[in-house]
Amino acid sequence: MNLLSNHLKHTSTLPLHFTHLFTDELPADIETDNHRRTVTAACFSYVKPKTVKAPKLVAYSKEVAMDLGLSDADCESD
């Protein structure tokens, strides 16, 4: 269990139920290479993300963080 899942298990006040209807019901692109392209006859693409040398948080929603039981300090830490 990852840190966020563990945190949510103990602090979230929202009943979070995830479904996979989008990926189960809609057609996916058959190409998985990560590059810009026009996707035809598909609603989404599975891609492998590129490795980032120095990842950092760019933005977050305070409202969603609060719903998930995360403090500003949790979201703004390095």
N, C-alpha and C. Protein backbone atom coordinates (compact mmCIF):
# COMPACT_ATOMS: atom_id res chain seq x y z
N MET A 1 0.86 -1.18 0.00
CA MET A 1 0.00 0.00 0.00
C MET A 1 0.90 1.23 0.00
N ASN A 2 0.64 2.17 -0.91
CA ASN A 2 1.49 3.36 -0.96
C ASN A 2 1.09 4.36 0.12
N LEU A 3 1.92 5.39 0.29
CA LEU A 3 1.72 6.37 1.36
C LEU A 3 0.37 7.07 1.25
N LEU A 4 -0.02 7.48 0.04
CA LEU A 4 -1.30 8.18 -0.13
C LEU A 4 -2.46 7.24 0.19
N SER A 5 -2.42 6.01 -0.29
CA SER A 5 -3.49 5.06 0.00
C SER A 5 -3.62 4.84 1.49
N ASN A 6 -2.50 4.69 2.17
CA ASN A 6 -2.51 4.49 3.61
C ASN A 6 -3.08 5.72 4.31
N HIS A 7 -2.68 6.91 3.87
CA HIS A 7 -3.19 8.16 4.44
C HIS A 7 -4.70 8.26 4.25
N LEU A 8 -5.17 7.96 3.05
CA LEU A 8 -6.60 8.06 2.75
C LEU A 8 -7.41 7.07 3.56
N LYS A 9 -6.86 5.90 3.76
CA LYS A 9 -7.56 4.86 4.52
C LYS A 9 -7.88 5.34 5.93
N HIS A 10 -7.01 6.18 6.49
CA HIS A 10 -7.17 6.61 7.87
C HIS A 10 -7.75 8.00 8.03
N THR A 11 -7.77 8.84 6.97
CA THR A 11 -8.18 10.22 7.17
C THR A 11 -9.29 10.71 6.26
N SER A 12 -9.56 10.06 5.16
CA SER A 12 -10.53 10.59 4.21
C SER A 12 -11.94 10.51 4.77
N THR A 13 -12.69 11.59 4.55
CA THR A 13 -14.08 11.61 4.98
C THR A 13 -15.02 11.28 3.84
N LEU A 14 -14.47 11.15 2.64
CA LEU A 14 -15.29 10.84 1.47
C LEU A 14 -15.23 9.35 1.16
N PRO A 15 -16.37 8.78 0.80
CA PRO A 15 -16.32 7.39 0.34
C PRO A 15 -15.82 7.38 -1.11
N LEU A 16 -14.58 6.98 -1.31
CA LEU A 16 -13.99 6.99 -2.65
C LEU A 16 -14.18 5.63 -3.31
N HIS A 17 -14.93 5.62 -4.39
CA HIS A 17 -15.18 4.39 -5.14
C HIS A 17 -14.79 4.65 -6.58
N PHE A 18 -13.79 3.94 -7.06
CA PHE A 18 -13.31 4.13 -8.41
C PHE A 18 -13.81 3.01 -9.31
N THR A 19 -14.21 3.37 -10.50
CA THR A 19 -14.58 2.38 -11.50
C THR A 19 -13.67 2.56 -12.71
N HIS A 20 -13.68 1.60 -13.57
CA HIS A 20 -12.85 1.65 -14.77
C HIS A 20 -13.74 1.66 -16.02
N LEU A 21 -14.93 2.25 -15.91
CA LEU A 21 -15.86 2.25 -17.03
C LEU A 21 -15.26 2.90 -18.27
N PHE A 22 -14.54 3.99 -18.07
CA PHE A 22 -13.95 4.70 -19.21
C PHE A 22 -13.06 3.77 -20.02
N THR A 23 -12.12 3.12 -19.34
CA THR A 23 -11.18 2.25 -20.06
C THR A 23 -11.78 0.90 -20.41
N ASP A 24 -12.78 0.46 -19.66
CA ASP A 24 -13.42 -0.82 -19.96
C ASP A 24 -14.37 -0.73 -21.15
N GLU A 25 -15.04 0.39 -21.30
CA GLU A 25 -16.10 0.51 -22.29
C GLU A 25 -15.70 1.21 -23.59
N LEU A 26 -14.67 2.04 -23.56
CA LEU A 26 -14.31 2.83 -24.74
C LEU A 26 -13.07 2.26 -25.42
N PRO A 27 -12.96 2.45 -26.74
CA PRO A 27 -11.81 1.90 -27.47
C PRO A 27 -10.52 2.66 -27.17
N ALA A 28 -9.44 1.91 -26.99
CA ALA A 28 -8.13 2.49 -26.72
C ALA A 28 -7.28 2.51 -27.99
N ASP A 29 -6.37 3.46 -28.04
CA ASP A 29 -5.39 3.55 -29.12
C ASP A 29 -4.47 2.33 -29.00
N ILE A 30 -4.12 1.73 -30.12
CA ILE A 30 -3.25 0.55 -30.06
C ILE A 30 -1.78 0.91 -29.92
N GLU A 31 -1.41 2.16 -30.23
CA GLU A 31 -0.02 2.59 -30.11
C GLU A 31 0.24 3.10 -28.69
N THR A 32 1.34 2.67 -28.08
CA THR A 32 1.65 3.09 -26.71
C THR A 32 2.90 3.95 -26.61
N ASP A 33 3.52 4.28 -27.75
CA ASP A 33 4.68 5.18 -27.71
C ASP A 33 4.24 6.56 -27.24
N ASN A 34 5.09 7.22 -26.48
CA ASN A 34 4.76 8.52 -25.90
C ASN A 34 5.27 9.64 -26.81
N HIS A 35 4.41 10.08 -27.72
CA HIS A 35 4.72 11.21 -28.59
C HIS A 35 3.41 11.82 -29.07
N ARG A 36 3.48 13.09 -29.49
CA ARG A 36 2.28 13.75 -29.99
C ARG A 36 1.86 13.16 -31.32
N ARG A 37 0.57 12.92 -31.44
CA ARG A 37 0.04 12.37 -32.69
C ARG A 37 -1.47 12.52 -32.70
N THR A 38 -2.05 12.39 -33.86
CA THR A 38 -3.50 12.35 -33.98
C THR A 38 -3.94 10.92 -33.70
N VAL A 39 -4.89 10.78 -32.82
CA VAL A 39 -5.41 9.45 -32.49
C VAL A 39 -6.76 9.30 -33.17
N THR A 40 -6.87 8.28 -34.00
CA THR A 40 -8.13 8.04 -34.69
C THR A 40 -8.71 6.70 -34.24
N ALA A 41 -10.01 6.60 -34.28
CA ALA A 41 -10.73 5.37 -33.94
C ALA A 41 -10.47 4.92 -32.50
N ALA A 42 -10.15 5.87 -31.63
CA ALA A 42 -9.93 5.55 -30.22
C ALA A 42 -10.32 6.76 -29.38
N CYS A 43 -10.66 6.51 -28.13
CA CYS A 43 -11.06 7.60 -27.23
C CYS A 43 -9.95 8.01 -26.28
N PHE A 44 -8.92 7.18 -26.13
CA PHE A 44 -7.81 7.50 -25.24
C PHE A 44 -6.61 6.65 -25.63
N SER A 45 -5.46 7.01 -25.07
CA SER A 45 -4.22 6.28 -25.33
C SER A 45 -3.56 5.89 -24.02
N TYR A 46 -3.10 4.66 -23.95
CA TYR A 46 -2.23 4.24 -22.85
C TYR A 46 -0.82 4.61 -23.28
N VAL A 47 -0.07 5.28 -22.44
CA VAL A 47 1.32 5.59 -22.75
C VAL A 47 2.17 5.35 -21.51
N LYS A 48 3.42 5.06 -21.74
CA LYS A 48 4.38 4.96 -20.65
C LYS A 48 4.95 6.36 -20.44
N PRO A 49 4.85 6.92 -19.23
CA PRO A 49 5.35 8.28 -19.02
C PRO A 49 6.87 8.35 -19.17
N LYS A 50 7.32 9.51 -19.61
CA LYS A 50 8.75 9.74 -19.72
C LYS A 50 9.33 10.01 -18.34
N THR A 51 10.55 9.57 -18.11
CA THR A 51 11.23 9.82 -16.84
C THR A 51 11.60 11.29 -16.75
N VAL A 52 11.37 11.88 -15.59
CA VAL A 52 11.69 13.28 -15.35
C VAL A 52 12.88 13.34 -14.40
N LYS A 53 13.89 14.15 -14.72
CA LYS A 53 15.10 14.21 -13.89
C LYS A 53 14.84 14.77 -12.51
N ALA A 54 14.06 15.85 -12.42
CA ALA A 54 13.80 16.49 -11.13
C ALA A 54 12.31 16.82 -11.03
N PRO A 55 11.48 15.81 -10.75
CA PRO A 55 10.04 16.07 -10.70
C PRO A 55 9.68 17.00 -9.55
N LYS A 56 8.66 17.83 -9.78
CA LYS A 56 8.18 18.71 -8.72
C LYS A 56 6.70 18.97 -8.93
N LEU A 57 6.01 19.27 -7.84
CA LEU A 57 4.60 19.59 -7.89
C LEU A 57 4.43 20.97 -8.50
N VAL A 58 3.58 21.09 -9.48
CA VAL A 58 3.36 22.37 -10.14
C VAL A 58 2.13 23.06 -9.56
N ALA A 59 1.08 22.29 -9.32
CA ALA A 59 -0.16 22.87 -8.79
C ALA A 59 -0.97 21.76 -8.14
N TYR A 60 -1.86 22.14 -7.25
CA TYR A 60 -2.79 21.20 -6.66
C TYR A 60 -4.05 21.94 -6.26
N SER A 61 -5.12 21.21 -6.07
CA SER A 61 -6.40 21.79 -5.67
C SER A 61 -6.52 21.69 -4.15
N LYS A 62 -6.59 22.84 -3.49
CA LYS A 62 -6.73 22.84 -2.03
C LYS A 62 -8.03 22.15 -1.61
N GLU A 63 -9.09 22.33 -2.40
CA GLU A 63 -10.38 21.72 -2.07
C GLU A 63 -10.30 20.20 -2.12
N VAL A 64 -9.68 19.67 -3.16
CA VAL A 64 -9.56 18.21 -3.28
C VAL A 64 -8.62 17.68 -2.21
N ALA A 65 -7.52 18.39 -1.96
CA ALA A 65 -6.60 17.98 -0.90
C ALA A 65 -7.33 17.90 0.44
N MET A 66 -8.15 18.89 0.73
CA MET A 66 -8.91 18.90 1.98
C MET A 66 -9.87 17.71 2.02
N ASP A 67 -10.55 17.43 0.90
CA ASP A 67 -11.46 16.28 0.84
C ASP A 67 -10.73 14.97 1.08
N LEU A 68 -9.46 14.91 0.67
CA LEU A 68 -8.65 13.71 0.85
C LEU A 68 -7.97 13.65 2.21
N GLY A 69 -8.15 14.70 3.00
CA GLY A 69 -7.54 14.72 4.32
C GLY A 69 -6.08 15.14 4.31
N LEU A 70 -5.64 15.82 3.23
CA LEU A 70 -4.26 16.27 3.13
C LEU A 70 -4.17 17.74 3.52
N SER A 71 -3.17 18.09 4.31
CA SER A 71 -2.98 19.47 4.73
C SER A 71 -2.18 20.23 3.67
N ASP A 72 -2.12 21.56 3.81
CA ASP A 72 -1.28 22.36 2.92
C ASP A 72 0.17 21.90 3.03
N ALA A 73 0.60 21.59 4.25
CA ALA A 73 1.98 21.13 4.46
C ALA A 73 2.25 19.83 3.71
N ASP A 74 1.27 18.92 3.69
CA ASP A 74 1.44 17.66 2.94
C ASP A 74 1.66 17.94 1.46
N CYS A 75 0.92 18.90 0.93
CA CYS A 75 0.95 19.17 -0.51
C CYS A 75 2.10 20.08 -0.91
N GLU A 76 2.62 20.86 -0.01
CA GLU A 76 3.67 21.82 -0.35
C GLU A 76 5.06 21.34 0.04
N SER A 77 5.17 20.16 0.64
CA SER A 77 6.49 19.67 1.03
C SER A 77 7.25 19.17 -0.18
N ASP A 78 8.58 19.11 -0.06
CA ASP A 78 9.42 18.64 -1.17
C ASP A 78 9.35 17.14 -1.31
